[in-house]
Amino acid sequence: LDMVLPGGTNGWTLSKALTALCPQAATVFMSGYTEN
């Protein structure tokens, strides 16, 4: 999941919703922003 998504949501919010449906899945976030 990208951290910045269109429509006012973000990767973190989407991750919470998707892992509720599929709790065994691991999540990798990606971003063009720095780790810092």
Full PDB file with SEQRES, HELIX, SHEET, SSBOND, CRYST1, ORIGX, SCALE, CONECT and MASTER records, all heavy atoms in Angstrom:
SEQRES   1 A   36  LEU ASP MET VAL LEU PRO GLY GLY THR ASN GLY TRP THR          
SEQRES   2 A   36  LEU SER LYS ALA LEU THR ALA LEU CYS PRO GLN ALA ALA          
SEQRES   3 A   36  THR VAL PHE MET SER GLY TYR THR GLU ASN                      
HELIX    1 AA1 PRO A    6  GLY A    8  5                                   3    
HELIX    2 AA2 GLY A   11  LEU A   21  1                                  11    
CRYST1    1.000    1.000    1.000  90.00  90.00  90.00 P 1           1          
ORIGX1      1.000000  0.000000  0.000000        0.00000                         
ORIGX2      0.000000  1.000000  0.000000        0.00000                         
ORIGX3      0.000000  0.000000  1.000000        0.00000                         
SCALE1      1.000000  0.000000  0.000000        0.00000                         
SCALE2      0.000000  1.000000  0.000000        0.00000                         
SCALE3      0.000000  0.000000  1.000000        0.00000                         
ATOM      1  N   LEU A   1       0.817  -1.206   0.000  1.00  0.00           N  
ATOM      2  CA  LEU A   1       0.000   0.000   0.000  1.00  0.00           C  
ATOM      3  C   LEU A   1       0.855   1.261   0.000  1.00  0.00           C  
ATOM      4  O   LEU A   1       1.801   1.376   0.781  1.00  0.00           O  
ATOM      5  CB  LEU A   1      -0.903   0.028   1.241  1.00  0.00           C  
ATOM      6  CG  LEU A   1      -1.837  -1.171   1.415  1.00  0.00           C  
ATOM      7  CD1 LEU A   1      -2.491  -1.134   2.785  1.00  0.00           C  
ATOM      8  CD2 LEU A   1      -2.881  -1.179   0.316  1.00  0.00           C  
ATOM      9  N   ASP A   2       0.487   2.196  -0.845  1.00  0.00           N  
ATOM     10  CA  ASP A   2       1.154   3.498  -0.841  1.00  0.00           C  
ATOM     11  C   ASP A   2       0.620   4.299   0.341  1.00  0.00           C  
ATOM     12  O   ASP A   2      -0.549   4.169   0.718  1.00  0.00           O  
ATOM     13  CB  ASP A   2       0.874   4.238  -2.153  1.00  0.00           C  
ATOM     14  CG  ASP A   2       1.922   5.295  -2.460  1.00  0.00           C  
ATOM     15  OD1 ASP A   2       2.390   5.969  -1.516  1.00  0.00           O  
ATOM     16  OD2 ASP A   2       2.265   5.457  -3.630  1.00  0.00           O  
ATOM     17  N   MET A   3       1.455   5.122   0.927  1.00  0.00           N  
ATOM     18  CA  MET A   3       1.022   5.939   2.060  1.00  0.00           C  
ATOM     19  C   MET A   3       0.083   7.066   1.632  1.00  0.00           C  
ATOM     20  O   MET A   3      -0.805   7.451   2.380  1.00  0.00           O  
ATOM     21  CB  MET A   3       2.240   6.535   2.792  1.00  0.00           C  
ATOM     22  CG  MET A   3       2.997   5.520   3.616  1.00  0.00           C  
ATOM     23  SD  MET A   3       2.002   4.756   4.908  1.00  0.00           S  
ATOM     24  CE  MET A   3       1.581   6.162   5.923  1.00  0.00           C  
ATOM     25  N   VAL A   4       0.273   7.593   0.435  1.00  0.00           N  
ATOM     26  CA  VAL A   4      -0.565   8.693  -0.042  1.00  0.00           C  
ATOM     27  C   VAL A   4      -1.499   8.140  -1.113  1.00  0.00           C  
ATOM     28  O   VAL A   4      -1.039   7.600  -2.122  1.00  0.00           O  
ATOM     29  CB  VAL A   4       0.291   9.840  -0.618  1.00  0.00           C  
ATOM     30  CG1 VAL A   4      -0.584  10.950  -1.155  1.00  0.00           C  
ATOM     31  CG2 VAL A   4       1.252  10.368   0.453  1.00  0.00           C  
ATOM     32  N   LEU A   5      -2.788   8.243  -0.871  1.00  0.00           N  
ATOM     33  CA  LEU A   5      -3.791   7.719  -1.788  1.00  0.00           C  
ATOM     34  C   LEU A   5      -4.802   8.809  -2.136  1.00  0.00           C  
ATOM     35  O   LEU A   5      -5.034   9.725  -1.341  1.00  0.00           O  
ATOM     36  CB  LEU A   5      -4.523   6.530  -1.150  1.00  0.00           C  
ATOM     37  CG  LEU A   5      -3.661   5.322  -0.798  1.00  0.00           C  
ATOM     38  CD1 LEU A   5      -4.453   4.330   0.038  1.00  0.00           C  
ATOM     39  CD2 LEU A   5      -3.155   4.655  -2.061  1.00  0.00           C  
ATOM     40  N   PRO A   6      -5.434   8.706  -3.295  1.00  0.00           N  
ATOM     41  CA  PRO A   6      -6.444   9.696  -3.657  1.00  0.00           C  
ATOM     42  C   PRO A   6      -7.717   9.521  -2.828  1.00  0.00           C  
ATOM     43  O   PRO A   6      -7.946   8.467  -2.241  1.00  0.00           O  
ATOM     44  CB  PRO A   6      -6.711   9.405  -5.135  1.00  0.00           C  
ATOM     45  CG  PRO A   6      -6.332   7.973  -5.318  1.00  0.00           C  
ATOM     46  CD  PRO A   6      -5.222   7.714  -4.336  1.00  0.00           C  
ATOM     47  N   GLY A   7      -8.509  10.545  -2.780  1.00  0.00           N  
ATOM     48  CA  GLY A   7      -9.811  10.450  -2.122  1.00  0.00           C  
ATOM     49  C   GLY A   7      -9.796  10.694  -0.632  1.00  0.00           C  
ATOM     50  O   GLY A   7     -10.741  10.355   0.064  1.00  0.00           O  
ATOM     51  N   GLY A   8      -8.712  11.247  -0.107  1.00  0.00           N  
ATOM     52  CA  GLY A   8      -8.690  11.607   1.310  1.00  0.00           C  
ATOM     53  C   GLY A   8      -8.339  10.482   2.268  1.00  0.00           C  
ATOM     54  O   GLY A   8      -8.431  10.657   3.469  1.00  0.00           O  
ATOM     55  N   THR A   9      -7.949   9.333   1.761  1.00  0.00           N  
ATOM     56  CA  THR A   9      -7.526   8.258   2.655  1.00  0.00           C  
ATOM     57  C   THR A   9      -6.015   8.097   2.541  1.00  0.00           C  
ATOM     58  O   THR A   9      -5.355   8.826   1.812  1.00  0.00           O  
ATOM     59  CB  THR A   9      -8.274   6.941   2.347  1.00  0.00           C  
ATOM     60  OG1 THR A   9      -7.997   6.008   3.406  1.00  0.00           O  
ATOM     61  CG2 THR A   9      -7.861   6.353   1.026  1.00  0.00           C  
ATOM     62  N   ASN A  10      -5.474   7.163   3.300  1.00  0.00           N  
ATOM     63  CA  ASN A  10      -4.040   6.883   3.220  1.00  0.00           C  
ATOM     64  C   ASN A  10      -3.808   5.393   3.419  1.00  0.00           C  
ATOM     65  O   ASN A  10      -4.734   4.648   3.746  1.00  0.00           O  
ATOM     66  CB  ASN A  10      -3.265   7.721   4.253  1.00  0.00           C  
ATOM     67  CG  ASN A  10      -3.710   7.441   5.669  1.00  0.00           C  
ATOM     68  OD1 ASN A  10      -3.816   6.295   6.093  1.00  0.00           O  
ATOM     69  ND2 ASN A  10      -3.988   8.491   6.420  1.00  0.00           N  
ATOM     70  N   GLY A  11      -2.588   4.966   3.206  1.00  0.00           N  
ATOM     71  CA  GLY A  11      -2.256   3.557   3.309  1.00  0.00           C  
ATOM     72  C   GLY A  11      -2.518   2.966   4.679  1.00  0.00           C  
ATOM     73  O   GLY A  11      -2.944   1.819   4.800  1.00  0.00           O  
ATOM     74  N   TRP A  12      -2.268   3.735   5.726  1.00  0.00           N  
ATOM     75  CA  TRP A  12      -2.472   3.247   7.092  1.00  0.00           C  
ATOM     76  C   TRP A  12      -3.951   2.947   7.335  1.00  0.00           C  
ATOM     77  O   TRP A  12      -4.307   1.892   7.849  1.00  0.00           O  
ATOM     78  CB  TRP A  12      -1.955   4.268   8.095  1.00  0.00           C  
ATOM     79  CG  TRP A  12      -2.171   3.863   9.512  1.00  0.00           C  
ATOM     80  CD1 TRP A  12      -3.011   4.431  10.403  1.00  0.00           C  
ATOM     81  CD2 TRP A  12      -1.539   2.781  10.199  1.00  0.00           C  
ATOM     82  NE1 TRP A  12      -2.959   3.782  11.600  1.00  0.00           N  
ATOM     83  CE2 TRP A  12      -2.061   2.756  11.507  1.00  0.00           C  
ATOM     84  CE3 TRP A  12      -0.608   1.830   9.837  1.00  0.00           C  
ATOM     85  CZ2 TRP A  12      -1.667   1.815  12.452  1.00  0.00           C  
ATOM     86  CZ3 TRP A  12      -0.216   0.888  10.787  1.00  0.00           C  
ATOM     87  CH2 TRP A  12      -0.742   0.892  12.074  1.00  0.00           C  
ATOM     88  N   THR A  13      -4.833   3.862   6.931  1.00  0.00           N  
ATOM     89  CA  THR A  13      -6.273   3.668   7.110  1.00  0.00           C  
ATOM     90  C   THR A  13      -6.759   2.472   6.294  1.00  0.00           C  
ATOM     91  O   THR A  13      -7.524   1.636   6.785  1.00  0.00           O  
ATOM     92  CB  THR A  13      -7.035   4.935   6.688  1.00  0.00           C  
ATOM     93  OG1 THR A  13      -6.542   6.036   7.458  1.00  0.00           O  
ATOM     94  CG2 THR A  13      -8.520   4.799   6.907  1.00  0.00           C  
ATOM     95  N   LEU A  14      -6.309   2.380   5.047  1.00  0.00           N  
ATOM     96  CA  LEU A  14      -6.696   1.258   4.197  1.00  0.00           C  
ATOM     97  C   LEU A  14      -6.178  -0.060   4.762  1.00  0.00           C  
ATOM     98  O   LEU A  14      -6.880  -1.076   4.745  1.00  0.00           O  
ATOM     99  CB  LEU A  14      -6.183   1.484   2.781  1.00  0.00           C  
ATOM    100  CG  LEU A  14      -6.593   0.454   1.732  1.00  0.00           C  
ATOM    101  CD1 LEU A  14      -8.104   0.313   1.638  1.00  0.00           C  
ATOM    102  CD2 LEU A  14      -6.009   0.832   0.386  1.00  0.00           C  
ATOM    103  N   SER A  15      -4.982  -0.055   5.306  1.00  0.00           N  
ATOM    104  CA  SER A  15      -4.407  -1.255   5.907  1.00  0.00           C  
ATOM    105  C   SER A  15      -5.271  -1.762   7.055  1.00  0.00           C  
ATOM    106  O   SER A  15      -5.535  -2.960   7.161  1.00  0.00           O  
ATOM    107  CB  SER A  15      -2.994  -0.966   6.413  1.00  0.00           C  
ATOM    108  OG  SER A  15      -2.513  -2.042   7.187  1.00  0.00           O  
ATOM    109  N   LYS A  16      -5.727  -0.867   7.906  1.00  0.00           N  
ATOM    110  CA  LYS A  16      -6.566  -1.280   9.035  1.00  0.00           C  
ATOM    111  C   LYS A  16      -7.856  -1.925   8.554  1.00  0.00           C  
ATOM    112  O   LYS A  16      -8.301  -2.936   9.089  1.00  0.00           O  
ATOM    113  CB  LYS A  16      -6.855  -0.086   9.935  1.00  0.00           C  
ATOM    114  CG  LYS A  16      -5.643   0.382  10.708  1.00  0.00           C  
ATOM    115  CD  LYS A  16      -6.014   1.495  11.642  1.00  0.00           C  
ATOM    116  CE  LYS A  16      -5.783   0.946  12.966  1.00  0.00           C  
ATOM    117  NZ  LYS A  16      -5.919   1.564  14.145  1.00  0.00           N  
ATOM    118  N   ALA A  17      -8.461  -1.354   7.513  1.00  0.00           N  
ATOM    119  CA  ALA A  17      -9.711  -1.908   6.982  1.00  0.00           C  
ATOM    120  C   ALA A  17      -9.472  -3.270   6.330  1.00  0.00           C  
ATOM    121  O   ALA A  17     -10.253  -4.206   6.532  1.00  0.00           O  
ATOM    122  CB  ALA A  17     -10.324  -0.936   5.980  1.00  0.00           C  
ATOM    123  N   LEU A  18      -8.402  -3.389   5.556  1.00  0.00           N  
ATOM    124  CA  LEU A  18      -8.128  -4.643   4.845  1.00  0.00           C  
ATOM    125  C   LEU A  18      -7.678  -5.758   5.780  1.00  0.00           C  
ATOM    126  O   LEU A  18      -8.047  -6.914   5.591  1.00  0.00           O  
ATOM    127  CB  LEU A  18      -7.088  -4.415   3.752  1.00  0.00           C  
ATOM    128  CG  LEU A  18      -7.561  -3.568   2.572  1.00  0.00           C  
ATOM    129  CD1 LEU A  18      -6.394  -3.272   1.636  1.00  0.00           C  
ATOM    130  CD2 LEU A  18      -8.696  -4.238   1.832  1.00  0.00           C  
ATOM    131  N   THR A  19      -6.888  -5.439   6.797  1.00  0.00           N  
ATOM    132  CA  THR A  19      -6.444  -6.487   7.716  1.00  0.00           C  
ATOM    133  C   THR A  19      -7.587  -6.961   8.609  1.00  0.00           C  
ATOM    134  O   THR A  19      -7.532  -8.069   9.133  1.00  0.00           O  
ATOM    135  CB  THR A  19      -5.231  -6.059   8.559  1.00  0.00           C  
ATOM    136  OG1 THR A  19      -5.517  -4.850   9.235  1.00  0.00           O  
ATOM    137  CG2 THR A  19      -3.992  -5.917   7.708  1.00  0.00           C  
ATOM    138  N   ALA A  20      -8.626  -6.158   8.759  1.00  0.00           N  
ATOM    139  CA  ALA A  20      -9.814  -6.633   9.471  1.00  0.00           C  
ATOM    140  C   ALA A  20     -10.490  -7.744   8.666  1.00  0.00           C  
ATOM    141  O   ALA A  20     -11.058  -8.676   9.238  1.00  0.00           O  
ATOM    142  CB  ALA A  20     -10.780  -5.485   9.720  1.00  0.00           C  
ATOM    143  N   LEU A  21     -10.420  -7.650   7.344  1.00  0.00           N  
ATOM    144  CA  LEU A  21     -11.016  -8.657   6.465  1.00  0.00           C  
ATOM    145  C   LEU A  21     -10.087  -9.841   6.224  1.00  0.00           C  
ATOM    146  O   LEU A  21     -10.537 -10.948   5.953  1.00  0.00           O  
ATOM    147  CB  LEU A  21     -11.371  -8.022   5.117  1.00  0.00           C  
ATOM    148  CG  LEU A  21     -12.401  -6.902   5.153  1.00  0.00           C  
ATOM    149  CD1 LEU A  21     -12.516  -6.241   3.793  1.00  0.00           C  
ATOM    150  CD2 LEU A  21     -13.748  -7.448   5.611  1.00  0.00           C  
ATOM    151  N   CYS A  22      -8.792  -9.595   6.288  1.00  0.00           N  
ATOM    152  CA  CYS A  22      -7.788 -10.620   5.974  1.00  0.00           C  
ATOM    153  C   CYS A  22      -6.646 -10.508   6.999  1.00  0.00           C  
ATOM    154  O   CYS A  22      -5.563 -10.029   6.676  1.00  0.00           O  
ATOM    155  CB  CYS A  22      -7.293 -10.391   4.547  1.00  0.00           C  
ATOM    156  SG  CYS A  22      -6.398 -11.760   3.855  1.00  0.00           S  
ATOM    157  N   PRO A  23      -6.901 -10.942   8.238  1.00  0.00           N  
ATOM    158  CA  PRO A  23      -5.936 -10.692   9.318  1.00  0.00           C  
ATOM    159  C   PRO A  23      -4.591 -11.383   9.168  1.00  0.00           C  
ATOM    160  O   PRO A  23      -3.615 -10.958   9.774  1.00  0.00           O  
ATOM    161  CB  PRO A  23      -6.666 -11.181  10.571  1.00  0.00           C  
ATOM    162  CG  PRO A  23      -7.749 -12.055  10.093  1.00  0.00           C  
ATOM    163  CD  PRO A  23      -8.089 -11.641   8.697  1.00  0.00           C  
ATOM    164  N   GLN A  24      -4.501 -12.434   8.358  1.00  0.00           N  
ATOM    165  CA  GLN A  24      -3.226 -13.134   8.209  1.00  0.00           C  
ATOM    166  C   GLN A  24      -2.267 -12.416   7.265  1.00  0.00           C  
ATOM    167  O   GLN A  24      -1.098 -12.751   7.190  1.00  0.00           O  
ATOM    168  CB  GLN A  24      -3.439 -14.580   7.739  1.00  0.00           C  
ATOM    169  CG  GLN A  24      -3.802 -14.733   6.288  1.00  0.00           C  
ATOM    170  CD  GLN A  24      -5.280 -14.514   5.984  1.00  0.00           C  
ATOM    171  OE1 GLN A  24      -6.063 -14.218   6.875  1.00  0.00           O  
ATOM    172  NE2 GLN A  24      -5.656 -14.660   4.734  1.00  0.00           N  
ATOM    173  N   ALA A  25      -2.756 -11.414   6.540  1.00  0.00           N  
ATOM    174  CA  ALA A  25      -1.909 -10.714   5.567  1.00  0.00           C  
ATOM    175  C   ALA A  25      -0.932  -9.774   6.270  1.00  0.00           C  
ATOM    176  O   ALA A  25      -1.279  -9.098   7.226  1.00  0.00           O  
ATOM    177  CB  ALA A  25      -2.775  -9.924   4.595  1.00  0.00           C  
ATOM    178  N   ALA A  26       0.283  -9.753   5.762  1.00  0.00           N  
ATOM    179  CA  ALA A  26       1.286  -8.791   6.210  1.00  0.00           C  
ATOM    180  C   ALA A  26       1.121  -7.528   5.370  1.00  0.00           C  
ATOM    181  O   ALA A  26       0.558  -7.574   4.277  1.00  0.00           O  
ATOM    182  CB  ALA A  26       2.680  -9.362   6.025  1.00  0.00           C  
ATOM    183  N   THR A  27       1.604  -6.402   5.868  1.00  0.00           N  
ATOM    184  CA  THR A  27       1.473  -5.146   5.134  1.00  0.00           C  
ATOM    185  C   THR A  27       2.839  -4.522   4.903  1.00  0.00           C  
ATOM    186  O   THR A  27       3.654  -4.442   5.820  1.00  0.00           O  
ATOM    187  CB  THR A  27       0.589  -4.146   5.904  1.00  0.00           C  
ATOM    188  OG1 THR A  27      -0.684  -4.738   6.139  1.00  0.00           O  
ATOM    189  CG2 THR A  27       0.392  -2.868   5.118  1.00  0.00           C  
ATOM    190  N   VAL A  28       3.069  -4.093   3.666  1.00  0.00           N  
ATOM    191  CA  VAL A  28       4.239  -3.307   3.304  1.00  0.00           C  
ATOM    192  C   VAL A  28       3.725  -1.974   2.810  1.00  0.00           C  
ATOM    193  O   VAL A  28       2.850  -1.912   1.939  1.00  0.00           O  
ATOM    194  CB  VAL A  28       5.071  -3.987   2.185  1.00  0.00           C  
ATOM    195  CG1 VAL A  28       6.196  -3.081   1.716  1.00  0.00           C  
ATOM    196  CG2 VAL A  28       5.619  -5.323   2.664  1.00  0.00           C  
ATOM    197  N   PHE A  29       4.232  -0.905   3.397  1.00  0.00           N  
ATOM    198  CA  PHE A  29       3.871   0.435   2.960  1.00  0.00           C  
ATOM    199  C   PHE A  29       4.968   0.949   2.036  1.00  0.00           C  
ATOM    200  O   PHE A  29       6.124   0.589   2.188  1.00  0.00           O  
ATOM    201  CB  PHE A  29       3.738   1.370   4.164  1.00  0.00           C  
ATOM    202  CG  PHE A  29       2.647   0.963   5.104  1.00  0.00           C  
ATOM    203  CD1 PHE A  29       2.923   0.217   6.230  1.00  0.00           C  
ATOM    204  CD2 PHE A  29       1.331   1.315   4.853  1.00  0.00           C  
ATOM    205  CE1 PHE A  29       1.918  -0.179   7.101  1.00  0.00           C  
ATOM    206  CE2 PHE A  29       0.326   0.931   5.707  1.00  0.00           C  
ATOM    207  CZ  PHE A  29       0.613   0.179   6.834  1.00  0.00           C  
ATOM    208  N   MET A  30       4.589   1.784   1.086  1.00  0.00           N  
ATOM    209  CA  MET A  30       5.597   2.420   0.236  1.00  0.00           C  
ATOM    210  C   MET A  30       5.300   3.905   0.169  1.00  0.00           C  
ATOM    211  O   MET A  30       4.159   4.338   0.316  1.00  0.00           O  
ATOM    212  CB  MET A  30       5.634   1.781  -1.153  1.00  0.00           C  
ATOM    213  CG  MET A  30       4.386   1.859  -1.934  1.00  0.00           C  
ATOM    214  SD  MET A  30       4.646   1.005  -3.514  1.00  0.00           S  
ATOM    215  CE  MET A  30       2.977   0.869  -4.054  1.00  0.00           C  
ATOM    216  N   SER A  31       6.378   4.673  -0.035  1.00  0.00           N  
ATOM    217  CA  SER A  31       6.230   6.117  -0.072  1.00  0.00           C  
ATOM    218  C   SER A  31       7.431   6.758  -0.742  1.00  0.00           C  
ATOM    219  O   SER A  31       8.539   6.232  -0.680  1.00  0.00           O  
ATOM    220  CB  SER A  31       6.096   6.672   1.349  1.00  0.00           C  
ATOM    221  OG  SER A  31       5.976   8.074   1.310  1.00  0.00           O  
ATOM    222  N   GLY A  32       7.175   7.880  -1.363  1.00  0.00           N  
ATOM    223  CA  GLY A  32       8.243   8.698  -1.912  1.00  0.00           C  
ATOM    224  C   GLY A  32       8.786   9.670  -0.880  1.00  0.00           C  
ATOM    225  O   GLY A  32       9.816  10.300  -1.091  1.00  0.00           O  
ATOM    226  N   TYR A  33       8.094   9.789   0.259  1.00  0.00           N  
ATOM    227  CA  TYR A  33       8.593  10.626   1.349  1.00  0.00           C  
ATOM    228  C   TYR A  33       9.727   9.898   2.057  1.00  0.00           C  
ATOM    229  O   TYR A  33       9.806   8.672   2.019  1.00  0.00           O  
ATOM    230  CB  TYR A  33       7.480  10.933   2.357  1.00  0.00           C  
ATOM    231  CG  TYR A  33       6.415  11.840   1.803  1.00  0.00           C  
ATOM    232  CD1 TYR A  33       5.211  11.327   1.347  1.00  0.00           C  
ATOM    233  CD2 TYR A  33       6.622  13.213   1.719  1.00  0.00           C  
ATOM    234  CE1 TYR A  33       4.230  12.154   0.828  1.00  0.00           C  
ATOM    235  CE2 TYR A  33       5.650  14.052   1.201  1.00  0.00           C  
ATOM    236  CZ  TYR A  33       4.458  13.510   0.753  1.00  0.00           C  
ATOM    237  OH  TYR A  33       3.499  14.333   0.244  1.00  0.00           O  
ATOM    238  N   THR A  34      10.571  10.626   2.728  1.00  0.00           N  
ATOM    239  CA  THR A  34      11.694  10.002   3.425  1.00  0.00           C  
ATOM    240  C   THR A  34      11.204   9.200   4.619  1.00  0.00           C  
ATOM    241  O   THR A  34      10.133   9.463   5.170  1.00  0.00           O  
ATOM    242  CB  THR A  34      12.698  11.055   3.921  1.00  0.00           C  
ATOM    243  OG1 THR A  34      12.061  11.858   4.908  1.00  0.00           O  
ATOM    244  CG2 THR A  34      13.218  11.905   2.789  1.00  0.00           C  
ATOM    245  N   GLU A  35      12.001   8.199   5.008  1.00  0.00           N  
ATOM    246  CA  GLU A  35      11.681   7.420   6.207  1.00  0.00           C  
ATOM    247  C   GLU A  35      11.527   8.339   7.407  1.00  0.00           C  
ATOM    248  O   GLU A  35      10.644   8.142   8.234  1.00  0.00           O  
ATOM    249  CB  GLU A  35      12.787   6.400   6.498  1.00  0.00           C  
ATOM    250  CG  GLU A  35      12.648   5.129   5.750  1.00  0.00           C  
ATOM    251  CD  GLU A  35      13.638   4.092   6.249  1.00  0.00           C  
ATOM    252  OE1 GLU A  35      13.771   3.903   7.471  1.00  0.00           O  
ATOM    253  OE2 GLU A  35      14.268   3.465   5.390  1.00  0.00           O  
ATOM    254  N   ASN A  36      12.390   9.325   7.499  1.00  0.00           N  
ATOM    255  CA  ASN A  36      12.343  10.261   8.609  1.00  0.00           C  
ATOM    256  C   ASN A  36      10.976  10.940   8.672  1.00  0.00           C  
ATOM    257  O   ASN A  36      10.368  11.044   9.733  1.00  0.00           O  
ATOM    258  CB  ASN A  36      13.465  11.292   8.471  1.00  0.00           C  
ATOM    259  CG  ASN A  36      13.615  12.139   9.700  1.00  0.00           C  
ATOM    260  OD1 ASN A  36      13.491  11.646  10.813  1.00  0.00           O  
ATOM    261  ND2 ASN A  36      13.858  13.416   9.498  1.00  0.00           N  
TER     262      ASN A  36                                                      
MASTER        0    0    0    2    0    0    0    6  261    1    0    3          
END                                                                             
